[in-house]
Amino acid sequence: ESSEIVRAVHERRLELPDGPRAEL
């Protein structure tokens, strides 16, 4: 479960290096 969340966050970071917006 933790790895799934981490991988999802990591993929978003590749798209938005400075972090996601709240709506994401």
PDBML (XML) file of the C-alpha atoms, coordinates in Angstrom:
<?xml version="1.0" encoding="UTF-8" ?>
<PDBx:datablock datablockName="MODEL"
   xmlns:PDBx="http://pdbml.pdb.org/schema/pdbx-v50.xsd"
   xmlns:xsi="http://www.w3.org/2001/XMLSchema-instance"
   xsi:schemaLocation="http://pdbml.pdb.org/schema/pdbx-v50.xsd pdbx-v50.xsd">
   <PDBx:atom_siteCategory>
      <PDBx:atom_site id="1">
         <PDBx:B_iso_or_equiv>0.00</PDBx:B_iso_or_equiv>
         <PDBx:Cartn_x>0.000</PDBx:Cartn_x>
         <PDBx:Cartn_y>0.000</PDBx:Cartn_y>
         <PDBx:Cartn_z>0.000</PDBx:Cartn_z>
         <PDBx:auth_asym_id>A</PDBx:auth_asym_id>
         <PDBx:auth_atom_id>CA</PDBx:auth_atom_id>
         <PDBx:auth_comp_id>GLU</PDBx:auth_comp_id>
         <PDBx:auth_seq_id>1</PDBx:auth_seq_id>
         <PDBx:group_PDB>ATOM</PDBx:group_PDB>
         <PDBx:label_alt_id xsi:nil="true" />
         <PDBx:label_asym_id>A</PDBx:label_asym_id>
         <PDBx:label_atom_id>CA</PDBx:label_atom_id>
         <PDBx:label_comp_id>GLU</PDBx:label_comp_id>
         <PDBx:label_entity_id>1</PDBx:label_entity_id>
         <PDBx:label_seq_id>1</PDBx:label_seq_id>
         <PDBx:occupancy>1.00</PDBx:occupancy>
         <PDBx:pdbx_PDB_model_num>1</PDBx:pdbx_PDB_model_num>
         <PDBx:type_symbol>C</PDBx:type_symbol>
      </PDBx:atom_site>
      <PDBx:atom_site id="2">
         <PDBx:B_iso_or_equiv>0.00</PDBx:B_iso_or_equiv>
         <PDBx:Cartn_x>2.799</PDBx:Cartn_x>
         <PDBx:Cartn_y>2.419</PDBx:Cartn_y>
         <PDBx:Cartn_z>0.896</PDBx:Cartn_z>
         <PDBx:auth_asym_id>A</PDBx:auth_asym_id>
         <PDBx:auth_atom_id>CA</PDBx:auth_atom_id>
         <PDBx:auth_comp_id>SER</PDBx:auth_comp_id>
         <PDBx:auth_seq_id>2</PDBx:auth_seq_id>
         <PDBx:group_PDB>ATOM</PDBx:group_PDB>
         <PDBx:label_alt_id xsi:nil="true" />
         <PDBx:label_asym_id>A</PDBx:label_asym_id>
         <PDBx:label_atom_id>CA</PDBx:label_atom_id>
         <PDBx:label_comp_id>SER</PDBx:label_comp_id>
         <PDBx:label_entity_id>1</PDBx:label_entity_id>
         <PDBx:label_seq_id>2</PDBx:label_seq_id>
         <PDBx:occupancy>1.00</PDBx:occupancy>
         <PDBx:pdbx_PDB_model_num>1</PDBx:pdbx_PDB_model_num>
         <PDBx:type_symbol>C</PDBx:type_symbol>
      </PDBx:atom_site>
      <PDBx:atom_site id="3">
         <PDBx:B_iso_or_equiv>0.00</PDBx:B_iso_or_equiv>
         <PDBx:Cartn_x>4.727</PDBx:Cartn_x>
         <PDBx:Cartn_y>1.663</PDBx:Cartn_y>
         <PDBx:Cartn_z>-2.295</PDBx:Cartn_z>
         <PDBx:auth_asym_id>A</PDBx:auth_asym_id>
         <PDBx:auth_atom_id>CA</PDBx:auth_atom_id>
         <PDBx:auth_comp_id>SER</PDBx:auth_comp_id>
         <PDBx:auth_seq_id>3</PDBx:auth_seq_id>
         <PDBx:group_PDB>ATOM</PDBx:group_PDB>
         <PDBx:label_alt_id xsi:nil="true" />
         <PDBx:label_asym_id>A</PDBx:label_asym_id>
         <PDBx:label_atom_id>CA</PDBx:label_atom_id>
         <PDBx:label_comp_id>SER</PDBx:label_comp_id>
         <PDBx:label_entity_id>1</PDBx:label_entity_id>
         <PDBx:label_seq_id>3</PDBx:label_seq_id>
         <PDBx:occupancy>1.00</PDBx:occupancy>
         <PDBx:pdbx_PDB_model_num>1</PDBx:pdbx_PDB_model_num>
         <PDBx:type_symbol>C</PDBx:type_symbol>
      </PDBx:atom_site>
      <PDBx:atom_site id="4">
         <PDBx:B_iso_or_equiv>0.00</PDBx:B_iso_or_equiv>
         <PDBx:Cartn_x>1.615</PDBx:Cartn_x>
         <PDBx:Cartn_y>2.310</PDBx:Cartn_y>
         <PDBx:Cartn_z>-4.397</PDBx:Cartn_z>
         <PDBx:auth_asym_id>A</PDBx:auth_asym_id>
         <PDBx:auth_atom_id>CA</PDBx:auth_atom_id>
         <PDBx:auth_comp_id>GLU</PDBx:auth_comp_id>
         <PDBx:auth_seq_id>4</PDBx:auth_seq_id>
         <PDBx:group_PDB>ATOM</PDBx:group_PDB>
         <PDBx:label_alt_id xsi:nil="true" />
         <PDBx:label_asym_id>A</PDBx:label_asym_id>
         <PDBx:label_atom_id>CA</PDBx:label_atom_id>
         <PDBx:label_comp_id>GLU</PDBx:label_comp_id>
         <PDBx:label_entity_id>1</PDBx:label_entity_id>
         <PDBx:label_seq_id>4</PDBx:label_seq_id>
         <PDBx:occupancy>1.00</PDBx:occupancy>
         <PDBx:pdbx_PDB_model_num>1</PDBx:pdbx_PDB_model_num>
         <PDBx:type_symbol>C</PDBx:type_symbol>
      </PDBx:atom_site>
      <PDBx:atom_site id="5">
         <PDBx:B_iso_or_equiv>0.00</PDBx:B_iso_or_equiv>
         <PDBx:Cartn_x>1.171</PDBx:Cartn_x>
         <PDBx:Cartn_y>5.772</PDBx:Cartn_y>
         <PDBx:Cartn_z>-2.849</PDBx:Cartn_z>
         <PDBx:auth_asym_id>A</PDBx:auth_asym_id>
         <PDBx:auth_atom_id>CA</PDBx:auth_atom_id>
         <PDBx:auth_comp_id>ILE</PDBx:auth_comp_id>
         <PDBx:auth_seq_id>5</PDBx:auth_seq_id>
         <PDBx:group_PDB>ATOM</PDBx:group_PDB>
         <PDBx:label_alt_id xsi:nil="true" />
         <PDBx:label_asym_id>A</PDBx:label_asym_id>
         <PDBx:label_atom_id>CA</PDBx:label_atom_id>
         <PDBx:label_comp_id>ILE</PDBx:label_comp_id>
         <PDBx:label_entity_id>1</PDBx:label_entity_id>
         <PDBx:label_seq_id>5</PDBx:label_seq_id>
         <PDBx:occupancy>1.00</PDBx:occupancy>
         <PDBx:pdbx_PDB_model_num>1</PDBx:pdbx_PDB_model_num>
         <PDBx:type_symbol>C</PDBx:type_symbol>
      </PDBx:atom_site>
      <PDBx:atom_site id="6">
         <PDBx:B_iso_or_equiv>0.00</PDBx:B_iso_or_equiv>
         <PDBx:Cartn_x>4.881</PDBx:Cartn_x>
         <PDBx:Cartn_y>6.542</PDBx:Cartn_y>
         <PDBx:Cartn_z>-3.181</PDBx:Cartn_z>
         <PDBx:auth_asym_id>A</PDBx:auth_asym_id>
         <PDBx:auth_atom_id>CA</PDBx:auth_atom_id>
         <PDBx:auth_comp_id>VAL</PDBx:auth_comp_id>
         <PDBx:auth_seq_id>6</PDBx:auth_seq_id>
         <PDBx:group_PDB>ATOM</PDBx:group_PDB>
         <PDBx:label_alt_id xsi:nil="true" />
         <PDBx:label_asym_id>A</PDBx:label_asym_id>
         <PDBx:label_atom_id>CA</PDBx:label_atom_id>
         <PDBx:label_comp_id>VAL</PDBx:label_comp_id>
         <PDBx:label_entity_id>1</PDBx:label_entity_id>
         <PDBx:label_seq_id>6</PDBx:label_seq_id>
         <PDBx:occupancy>1.00</PDBx:occupancy>
         <PDBx:pdbx_PDB_model_num>1</PDBx:pdbx_PDB_model_num>
         <PDBx:type_symbol>C</PDBx:type_symbol>
      </PDBx:atom_site>
      <PDBx:atom_site id="7">
         <PDBx:B_iso_or_equiv>0.00</PDBx:B_iso_or_equiv>
         <PDBx:Cartn_x>4.983</PDBx:Cartn_x>
         <PDBx:Cartn_y>5.540</PDBx:Cartn_y>
         <PDBx:Cartn_z>-6.844</PDBx:Cartn_z>
         <PDBx:auth_asym_id>A</PDBx:auth_asym_id>
         <PDBx:auth_atom_id>CA</PDBx:auth_atom_id>
         <PDBx:auth_comp_id>ARG</PDBx:auth_comp_id>
         <PDBx:auth_seq_id>7</PDBx:auth_seq_id>
         <PDBx:group_PDB>ATOM</PDBx:group_PDB>
         <PDBx:label_alt_id xsi:nil="true" />
         <PDBx:label_asym_id>A</PDBx:label_asym_id>
         <PDBx:label_atom_id>CA</PDBx:label_atom_id>
         <PDBx:label_comp_id>ARG</PDBx:label_comp_id>
         <PDBx:label_entity_id>1</PDBx:label_entity_id>
         <PDBx:label_seq_id>7</PDBx:label_seq_id>
         <PDBx:occupancy>1.00</PDBx:occupancy>
         <PDBx:pdbx_PDB_model_num>1</PDBx:pdbx_PDB_model_num>
         <PDBx:type_symbol>C</PDBx:type_symbol>
      </PDBx:atom_site>
      <PDBx:atom_site id="8">
         <PDBx:B_iso_or_equiv>0.00</PDBx:B_iso_or_equiv>
         <PDBx:Cartn_x>1.915</PDBx:Cartn_x>
         <PDBx:Cartn_y>7.657</PDBx:Cartn_y>
         <PDBx:Cartn_z>-7.619</PDBx:Cartn_z>
         <PDBx:auth_asym_id>A</PDBx:auth_asym_id>
         <PDBx:auth_atom_id>CA</PDBx:auth_atom_id>
         <PDBx:auth_comp_id>ALA</PDBx:auth_comp_id>
         <PDBx:auth_seq_id>8</PDBx:auth_seq_id>
         <PDBx:group_PDB>ATOM</PDBx:group_PDB>
         <PDBx:label_alt_id xsi:nil="true" />
         <PDBx:label_asym_id>A</PDBx:label_asym_id>
         <PDBx:label_atom_id>CA</PDBx:label_atom_id>
         <PDBx:label_comp_id>ALA</PDBx:label_comp_id>
         <PDBx:label_entity_id>1</PDBx:label_entity_id>
         <PDBx:label_seq_id>8</PDBx:label_seq_id>
         <PDBx:occupancy>1.00</PDBx:occupancy>
         <PDBx:pdbx_PDB_model_num>1</PDBx:pdbx_PDB_model_num>
         <PDBx:type_symbol>C</PDBx:type_symbol>
      </PDBx:atom_site>
      <PDBx:atom_site id="9">
         <PDBx:B_iso_or_equiv>0.00</PDBx:B_iso_or_equiv>
         <PDBx:Cartn_x>3.512</PDBx:Cartn_x>
         <PDBx:Cartn_y>10.651</PDBx:Cartn_y>
         <PDBx:Cartn_z>-5.887</PDBx:Cartn_z>
         <PDBx:auth_asym_id>A</PDBx:auth_asym_id>
         <PDBx:auth_atom_id>CA</PDBx:auth_atom_id>
         <PDBx:auth_comp_id>VAL</PDBx:auth_comp_id>
         <PDBx:auth_seq_id>9</PDBx:auth_seq_id>
         <PDBx:group_PDB>ATOM</PDBx:group_PDB>
         <PDBx:label_alt_id xsi:nil="true" />
         <PDBx:label_asym_id>A</PDBx:label_asym_id>
         <PDBx:label_atom_id>CA</PDBx:label_atom_id>
         <PDBx:label_comp_id>VAL</PDBx:label_comp_id>
         <PDBx:label_entity_id>1</PDBx:label_entity_id>
         <PDBx:label_seq_id>9</PDBx:label_seq_id>
         <PDBx:occupancy>1.00</PDBx:occupancy>
         <PDBx:pdbx_PDB_model_num>1</PDBx:pdbx_PDB_model_num>
         <PDBx:type_symbol>C</PDBx:type_symbol>
      </PDBx:atom_site>
      <PDBx:atom_site id="10">
         <PDBx:B_iso_or_equiv>0.00</PDBx:B_iso_or_equiv>
         <PDBx:Cartn_x>6.812</PDBx:Cartn_x>
         <PDBx:Cartn_y>10.013</PDBx:Cartn_y>
         <PDBx:Cartn_z>-7.670</PDBx:Cartn_z>
         <PDBx:auth_asym_id>A</PDBx:auth_asym_id>
         <PDBx:auth_atom_id>CA</PDBx:auth_atom_id>
         <PDBx:auth_comp_id>HIS</PDBx:auth_comp_id>
         <PDBx:auth_seq_id>10</PDBx:auth_seq_id>
         <PDBx:group_PDB>ATOM</PDBx:group_PDB>
         <PDBx:label_alt_id xsi:nil="true" />
         <PDBx:label_asym_id>A</PDBx:label_asym_id>
         <PDBx:label_atom_id>CA</PDBx:label_atom_id>
         <PDBx:label_comp_id>HIS</PDBx:label_comp_id>
         <PDBx:label_entity_id>1</PDBx:label_entity_id>
         <PDBx:label_seq_id>10</PDBx:label_seq_id>
         <PDBx:occupancy>1.00</PDBx:occupancy>
         <PDBx:pdbx_PDB_model_num>1</PDBx:pdbx_PDB_model_num>
         <PDBx:type_symbol>C</PDBx:type_symbol>
      </PDBx:atom_site>
      <PDBx:atom_site id="11">
         <PDBx:B_iso_or_equiv>0.00</PDBx:B_iso_or_equiv>
         <PDBx:Cartn_x>5.130</PDBx:Cartn_x>
         <PDBx:Cartn_y>9.981</PDBx:Cartn_y>
         <PDBx:Cartn_z>-11.067</PDBx:Cartn_z>
         <PDBx:auth_asym_id>A</PDBx:auth_asym_id>
         <PDBx:auth_atom_id>CA</PDBx:auth_atom_id>
         <PDBx:auth_comp_id>GLU</PDBx:auth_comp_id>
         <PDBx:auth_seq_id>11</PDBx:auth_seq_id>
         <PDBx:group_PDB>ATOM</PDBx:group_PDB>
         <PDBx:label_alt_id xsi:nil="true" />
         <PDBx:label_asym_id>A</PDBx:label_asym_id>
         <PDBx:label_atom_id>CA</PDBx:label_atom_id>
         <PDBx:label_comp_id>GLU</PDBx:label_comp_id>
         <PDBx:label_entity_id>1</PDBx:label_entity_id>
         <PDBx:label_seq_id>11</PDBx:label_seq_id>
         <PDBx:occupancy>1.00</PDBx:occupancy>
         <PDBx:pdbx_PDB_model_num>1</PDBx:pdbx_PDB_model_num>
         <PDBx:type_symbol>C</PDBx:type_symbol>
      </PDBx:atom_site>
      <PDBx:atom_site id="12">
         <PDBx:B_iso_or_equiv>0.00</PDBx:B_iso_or_equiv>
         <PDBx:Cartn_x>3.402</PDBx:Cartn_x>
         <PDBx:Cartn_y>13.275</PDBx:Cartn_y>
         <PDBx:Cartn_z>-10.340</PDBx:Cartn_z>
         <PDBx:auth_asym_id>A</PDBx:auth_asym_id>
         <PDBx:auth_atom_id>CA</PDBx:auth_atom_id>
         <PDBx:auth_comp_id>ARG</PDBx:auth_comp_id>
         <PDBx:auth_seq_id>12</PDBx:auth_seq_id>
         <PDBx:group_PDB>ATOM</PDBx:group_PDB>
         <PDBx:label_alt_id xsi:nil="true" />
         <PDBx:label_asym_id>A</PDBx:label_asym_id>
         <PDBx:label_atom_id>CA</PDBx:label_atom_id>
         <PDBx:label_comp_id>ARG</PDBx:label_comp_id>
         <PDBx:label_entity_id>1</PDBx:label_entity_id>
         <PDBx:label_seq_id>12</PDBx:label_seq_id>
         <PDBx:occupancy>1.00</PDBx:occupancy>
         <PDBx:pdbx_PDB_model_num>1</PDBx:pdbx_PDB_model_num>
         <PDBx:type_symbol>C</PDBx:type_symbol>
      </PDBx:atom_site>
      <PDBx:atom_site id="13">
         <PDBx:B_iso_or_equiv>0.00</PDBx:B_iso_or_equiv>
         <PDBx:Cartn_x>6.736</PDBx:Cartn_x>
         <PDBx:Cartn_y>14.748</PDBx:Cartn_y>
         <PDBx:Cartn_z>-9.285</PDBx:Cartn_z>
         <PDBx:auth_asym_id>A</PDBx:auth_asym_id>
         <PDBx:auth_atom_id>CA</PDBx:auth_atom_id>
         <PDBx:auth_comp_id>ARG</PDBx:auth_comp_id>
         <PDBx:auth_seq_id>13</PDBx:auth_seq_id>
         <PDBx:group_PDB>ATOM</PDBx:group_PDB>
         <PDBx:label_alt_id xsi:nil="true" />
         <PDBx:label_asym_id>A</PDBx:label_asym_id>
         <PDBx:label_atom_id>CA</PDBx:label_atom_id>
         <PDBx:label_comp_id>ARG</PDBx:label_comp_id>
         <PDBx:label_entity_id>1</PDBx:label_entity_id>
         <PDBx:label_seq_id>13</PDBx:label_seq_id>
         <PDBx:occupancy>1.00</PDBx:occupancy>
         <PDBx:pdbx_PDB_model_num>1</PDBx:pdbx_PDB_model_num>
         <PDBx:type_symbol>C</PDBx:type_symbol>
      </PDBx:atom_site>
      <PDBx:atom_site id="14">
         <PDBx:B_iso_or_equiv>0.00</PDBx:B_iso_or_equiv>
         <PDBx:Cartn_x>8.193</PDBx:Cartn_x>
         <PDBx:Cartn_y>13.882</PDBx:Cartn_y>
         <PDBx:Cartn_z>-12.658</PDBx:Cartn_z>
         <PDBx:auth_asym_id>A</PDBx:auth_asym_id>
         <PDBx:auth_atom_id>CA</PDBx:auth_atom_id>
         <PDBx:auth_comp_id>LEU</PDBx:auth_comp_id>
         <PDBx:auth_seq_id>14</PDBx:auth_seq_id>
         <PDBx:group_PDB>ATOM</PDBx:group_PDB>
         <PDBx:label_alt_id xsi:nil="true" />
         <PDBx:label_asym_id>A</PDBx:label_asym_id>
         <PDBx:label_atom_id>CA</PDBx:label_atom_id>
         <PDBx:label_comp_id>LEU</PDBx:label_comp_id>
         <PDBx:label_entity_id>1</PDBx:label_entity_id>
         <PDBx:label_seq_id>14</PDBx:label_seq_id>
         <PDBx:occupancy>1.00</PDBx:occupancy>
         <PDBx:pdbx_PDB_model_num>1</PDBx:pdbx_PDB_model_num>
         <PDBx:type_symbol>C</PDBx:type_symbol>
      </PDBx:atom_site>
      <PDBx:atom_site id="15">
         <PDBx:B_iso_or_equiv>0.00</PDBx:B_iso_or_equiv>
         <PDBx:Cartn_x>5.429</PDBx:Cartn_x>
         <PDBx:Cartn_y>15.958</PDBx:Cartn_y>
         <PDBx:Cartn_z>-14.220</PDBx:Cartn_z>
         <PDBx:auth_asym_id>A</PDBx:auth_asym_id>
         <PDBx:auth_atom_id>CA</PDBx:auth_atom_id>
         <PDBx:auth_comp_id>GLU</PDBx:auth_comp_id>
         <PDBx:auth_seq_id>15</PDBx:auth_seq_id>
         <PDBx:group_PDB>ATOM</PDBx:group_PDB>
         <PDBx:label_alt_id xsi:nil="true" />
         <PDBx:label_asym_id>A</PDBx:label_asym_id>
         <PDBx:label_atom_id>CA</PDBx:label_atom_id>
         <PDBx:label_comp_id>GLU</PDBx:label_comp_id>
         <PDBx:label_entity_id>1</PDBx:label_entity_id>
         <PDBx:label_seq_id>15</PDBx:label_seq_id>
         <PDBx:occupancy>1.00</PDBx:occupancy>
         <PDBx:pdbx_PDB_model_num>1</PDBx:pdbx_PDB_model_num>
         <PDBx:type_symbol>C</PDBx:type_symbol>
      </PDBx:atom_site>
      <PDBx:atom_site id="16">
         <PDBx:B_iso_or_equiv>0.00</PDBx:B_iso_or_equiv>
         <PDBx:Cartn_x>5.451</PDBx:Cartn_x>
         <PDBx:Cartn_y>18.721</PDBx:Cartn_y>
         <PDBx:Cartn_z>-11.574</PDBx:Cartn_z>
         <PDBx:auth_asym_id>A</PDBx:auth_asym_id>
         <PDBx:auth_atom_id>CA</PDBx:auth_atom_id>
         <PDBx:auth_comp_id>LEU</PDBx:auth_comp_id>
         <PDBx:auth_seq_id>16</PDBx:auth_seq_id>
         <PDBx:group_PDB>ATOM</PDBx:group_PDB>
         <PDBx:label_alt_id xsi:nil="true" />
         <PDBx:label_asym_id>A</PDBx:label_asym_id>
         <PDBx:label_atom_id>CA</PDBx:label_atom_id>
         <PDBx:label_comp_id>LEU</PDBx:label_comp_id>
         <PDBx:label_entity_id>1</PDBx:label_entity_id>
         <PDBx:label_seq_id>16</PDBx:label_seq_id>
         <PDBx:occupancy>1.00</PDBx:occupancy>
         <PDBx:pdbx_PDB_model_num>1</PDBx:pdbx_PDB_model_num>
         <PDBx:type_symbol>C</PDBx:type_symbol>
      </PDBx:atom_site>
      <PDBx:atom_site id="17">
         <PDBx:B_iso_or_equiv>0.00</PDBx:B_iso_or_equiv>
         <PDBx:Cartn_x>8.922</PDBx:Cartn_x>
         <PDBx:Cartn_y>18.840</PDBx:Cartn_y>
         <PDBx:Cartn_z>-9.920</PDBx:Cartn_z>
         <PDBx:auth_asym_id>A</PDBx:auth_asym_id>
         <PDBx:auth_atom_id>CA</PDBx:auth_atom_id>
         <PDBx:auth_comp_id>PRO</PDBx:auth_comp_id>
         <PDBx:auth_seq_id>17</PDBx:auth_seq_id>
         <PDBx:group_PDB>ATOM</PDBx:group_PDB>
         <PDBx:label_alt_id xsi:nil="true" />
         <PDBx:label_asym_id>A</PDBx:label_asym_id>
         <PDBx:label_atom_id>CA</PDBx:label_atom_id>
         <PDBx:label_comp_id>PRO</PDBx:label_comp_id>
         <PDBx:label_entity_id>1</PDBx:label_entity_id>
         <PDBx:label_seq_id>17</PDBx:label_seq_id>
         <PDBx:occupancy>1.00</PDBx:occupancy>
         <PDBx:pdbx_PDB_model_num>1</PDBx:pdbx_PDB_model_num>
         <PDBx:type_symbol>C</PDBx:type_symbol>
      </PDBx:atom_site>
      <PDBx:atom_site id="18">
         <PDBx:B_iso_or_equiv>0.00</PDBx:B_iso_or_equiv>
         <PDBx:Cartn_x>7.871</PDBx:Cartn_x>
         <PDBx:Cartn_y>21.531</PDBx:Cartn_y>
         <PDBx:Cartn_z>-7.428</PDBx:Cartn_z>
         <PDBx:auth_asym_id>A</PDBx:auth_asym_id>
         <PDBx:auth_atom_id>CA</PDBx:auth_atom_id>
         <PDBx:auth_comp_id>ASP</PDBx:auth_comp_id>
         <PDBx:auth_seq_id>18</PDBx:auth_seq_id>
         <PDBx:group_PDB>ATOM</PDBx:group_PDB>
         <PDBx:label_alt_id xsi:nil="true" />
         <PDBx:label_asym_id>A</PDBx:label_asym_id>
         <PDBx:label_atom_id>CA</PDBx:label_atom_id>
         <PDBx:label_comp_id>ASP</PDBx:label_comp_id>
         <PDBx:label_entity_id>1</PDBx:label_entity_id>
         <PDBx:label_seq_id>18</PDBx:label_seq_id>
         <PDBx:occupancy>1.00</PDBx:occupancy>
         <PDBx:pdbx_PDB_model_num>1</PDBx:pdbx_PDB_model_num>
         <PDBx:type_symbol>C</PDBx:type_symbol>
      </PDBx:atom_site>
      <PDBx:atom_site id="19">
         <PDBx:B_iso_or_equiv>0.00</PDBx:B_iso_or_equiv>
         <PDBx:Cartn_x>4.959</PDBx:Cartn_x>
         <PDBx:Cartn_y>19.480</PDBx:Cartn_y>
         <PDBx:Cartn_z>-6.127</PDBx:Cartn_z>
         <PDBx:auth_asym_id>A</PDBx:auth_asym_id>
         <PDBx:auth_atom_id>CA</PDBx:auth_atom_id>
         <PDBx:auth_comp_id>GLY</PDBx:auth_comp_id>
         <PDBx:auth_seq_id>19</PDBx:auth_seq_id>
         <PDBx:group_PDB>ATOM</PDBx:group_PDB>
         <PDBx:label_alt_id xsi:nil="true" />
         <PDBx:label_asym_id>A</PDBx:label_asym_id>
         <PDBx:label_atom_id>CA</PDBx:label_atom_id>
         <PDBx:label_comp_id>GLY</PDBx:label_comp_id>
         <PDBx:label_entity_id>1</PDBx:label_entity_id>
         <PDBx:label_seq_id>19</PDBx:label_seq_id>
         <PDBx:occupancy>1.00</PDBx:occupancy>
         <PDBx:pdbx_PDB_model_num>1</PDBx:pdbx_PDB_model_num>
         <PDBx:type_symbol>C</PDBx:type_symbol>
      </PDBx:atom_site>
      <PDBx:atom_site id="20">
         <PDBx:B_iso_or_equiv>0.00</PDBx:B_iso_or_equiv>
         <PDBx:Cartn_x>1.285</PDBx:Cartn_x>
         <PDBx:Cartn_y>19.040</PDBx:Cartn_y>
         <PDBx:Cartn_z>-6.915</PDBx:Cartn_z>
         <PDBx:auth_asym_id>A</PDBx:auth_asym_id>
         <PDBx:auth_atom_id>CA</PDBx:auth_atom_id>
         <PDBx:auth_comp_id>PRO</PDBx:auth_comp_id>
         <PDBx:auth_seq_id>20</PDBx:auth_seq_id>
         <PDBx:group_PDB>ATOM</PDBx:group_PDB>
         <PDBx:label_alt_id xsi:nil="true" />
         <PDBx:label_asym_id>A</PDBx:label_asym_id>
         <PDBx:label_atom_id>CA</PDBx:label_atom_id>
         <PDBx:label_comp_id>PRO</PDBx:label_comp_id>
         <PDBx:label_entity_id>1</PDBx:label_entity_id>
         <PDBx:label_seq_id>20</PDBx:label_seq_id>
         <PDBx:occupancy>1.00</PDBx:occupancy>
         <PDBx:pdbx_PDB_model_num>1</PDBx:pdbx_PDB_model_num>
         <PDBx:type_symbol>C</PDBx:type_symbol>
      </PDBx:atom_site>
      <PDBx:atom_site id="21">
         <PDBx:B_iso_or_equiv>0.00</PDBx:B_iso_or_equiv>
         <PDBx:Cartn_x>-1.493</PDBx:Cartn_x>
         <PDBx:Cartn_y>21.544</PDBx:Cartn_y>
         <PDBx:Cartn_z>-6.689</PDBx:Cartn_z>
         <PDBx:auth_asym_id>A</PDBx:auth_asym_id>
         <PDBx:auth_atom_id>CA</PDBx:auth_atom_id>
         <PDBx:auth_comp_id>ARG</PDBx:auth_comp_id>
         <PDBx:auth_seq_id>21</PDBx:auth_seq_id>
         <PDBx:group_PDB>ATOM</PDBx:group_PDB>
         <PDBx:label_alt_id xsi:nil="true" />
         <PDBx:label_asym_id>A</PDBx:label_asym_id>
         <PDBx:label_atom_id>CA</PDBx:label_atom_id>
         <PDBx:label_comp_id>ARG</PDBx:label_comp_id>
         <PDBx:label_entity_id>1</PDBx:label_entity_id>
         <PDBx:label_seq_id>21</PDBx:label_seq_id>
         <PDBx:occupancy>1.00</PDBx:occupancy>
         <PDBx:pdbx_PDB_model_num>1</PDBx:pdbx_PDB_model_num>
         <PDBx:type_symbol>C</PDBx:type_symbol>
      </PDBx:atom_site>
      <PDBx:atom_site id="22">
         <PDBx:B_iso_or_equiv>0.00</PDBx:B_iso_or_equiv>
         <PDBx:Cartn_x>-4.132</PDBx:Cartn_x>
         <PDBx:Cartn_y>20.931</PDBx:Cartn_y>
         <PDBx:Cartn_z>-4.047</PDBx:Cartn_z>
         <PDBx:auth_asym_id>A</PDBx:auth_asym_id>
         <PDBx:auth_atom_id>CA</PDBx:auth_atom_id>
         <PDBx:auth_comp_id>ALA</PDBx:auth_comp_id>
         <PDBx:auth_seq_id>22</PDBx:auth_seq_id>
         <PDBx:group_PDB>ATOM</PDBx:group_PDB>
         <PDBx:label_alt_id xsi:nil="true" />
         <PDBx:label_asym_id>A</PDBx:label_asym_id>
         <PDBx:label_atom_id>CA</PDBx:label_atom_id>
         <PDBx:label_comp_id>ALA</PDBx:label_comp_id>
         <PDBx:label_entity_id>1</PDBx:label_entity_id>
         <PDBx:label_seq_id>22</PDBx:label_seq_id>
         <PDBx:occupancy>1.00</PDBx:occupancy>
         <PDBx:pdbx_PDB_model_num>1</PDBx:pdbx_PDB_model_num>
         <PDBx:type_symbol>C</PDBx:type_symbol>
      </PDBx:atom_site>
      <PDBx:atom_site id="23">
         <PDBx:B_iso_or_equiv>0.00</PDBx:B_iso_or_equiv>
         <PDBx:Cartn_x>-6.707</PDBx:Cartn_x>
         <PDBx:Cartn_y>19.775</PDBx:Cartn_y>
         <PDBx:Cartn_z>-6.595</PDBx:Cartn_z>
         <PDBx:auth_asym_id>A</PDBx:auth_asym_id>
         <PDBx:auth_atom_id>CA</PDBx:auth_atom_id>
         <PDBx:auth_comp_id>GLU</PDBx:auth_comp_id>
         <PDBx:auth_seq_id>23</PDBx:auth_seq_id>
         <PDBx:group_PDB>ATOM</PDBx:group_PDB>
         <PDBx:label_alt_id xsi:nil="true" />
         <PDBx:label_asym_id>A</PDBx:label_asym_id>
         <PDBx:label_atom_id>CA</PDBx:label_atom_id>
         <PDBx:label_comp_id>GLU</PDBx:label_comp_id>
         <PDBx:label_entity_id>1</PDBx:label_entity_id>
         <PDBx:label_seq_id>23</PDBx:label_seq_id>
         <PDBx:occupancy>1.00</PDBx:occupancy>
         <PDBx:pdbx_PDB_model_num>1</PDBx:pdbx_PDB_model_num>
         <PDBx:type_symbol>C</PDBx:type_symbol>
      </PDBx:atom_site>
      <PDBx:atom_site id="24">
         <PDBx:B_iso_or_equiv>0.00</PDBx:B_iso_or_equiv>
         <PDBx:Cartn_x>-4.378</PDBx:Cartn_x>
         <PDBx:Cartn_y>16.957</PDBx:Cartn_y>
         <PDBx:Cartn_z>-7.703</PDBx:Cartn_z>
         <PDBx:auth_asym_id>A</PDBx:auth_asym_id>
         <PDBx:auth_atom_id>CA</PDBx:auth_atom_id>
         <PDBx:auth_comp_id>LEU</PDBx:auth_comp_id>
         <PDBx:auth_seq_id>24</PDBx:auth_seq_id>
         <PDBx:group_PDB>ATOM</PDBx:group_PDB>
         <PDBx:label_alt_id xsi:nil="true" />
         <PDBx:label_asym_id>A</PDBx:label_asym_id>
         <PDBx:label_atom_id>CA</PDBx:label_atom_id>
         <PDBx:label_comp_id>LEU</PDBx:label_comp_id>
         <PDBx:label_entity_id>1</PDBx:label_entity_id>
         <PDBx:label_seq_id>24</PDBx:label_seq_id>
         <PDBx:occupancy>1.00</PDBx:occupancy>
         <PDBx:pdbx_PDB_model_num>1</PDBx:pdbx_PDB_model_num>
         <PDBx:type_symbol>C</PDBx:type_symbol>
      </PDBx:atom_site>
   </PDBx:atom_siteCategory>
</PDBx:datablock>
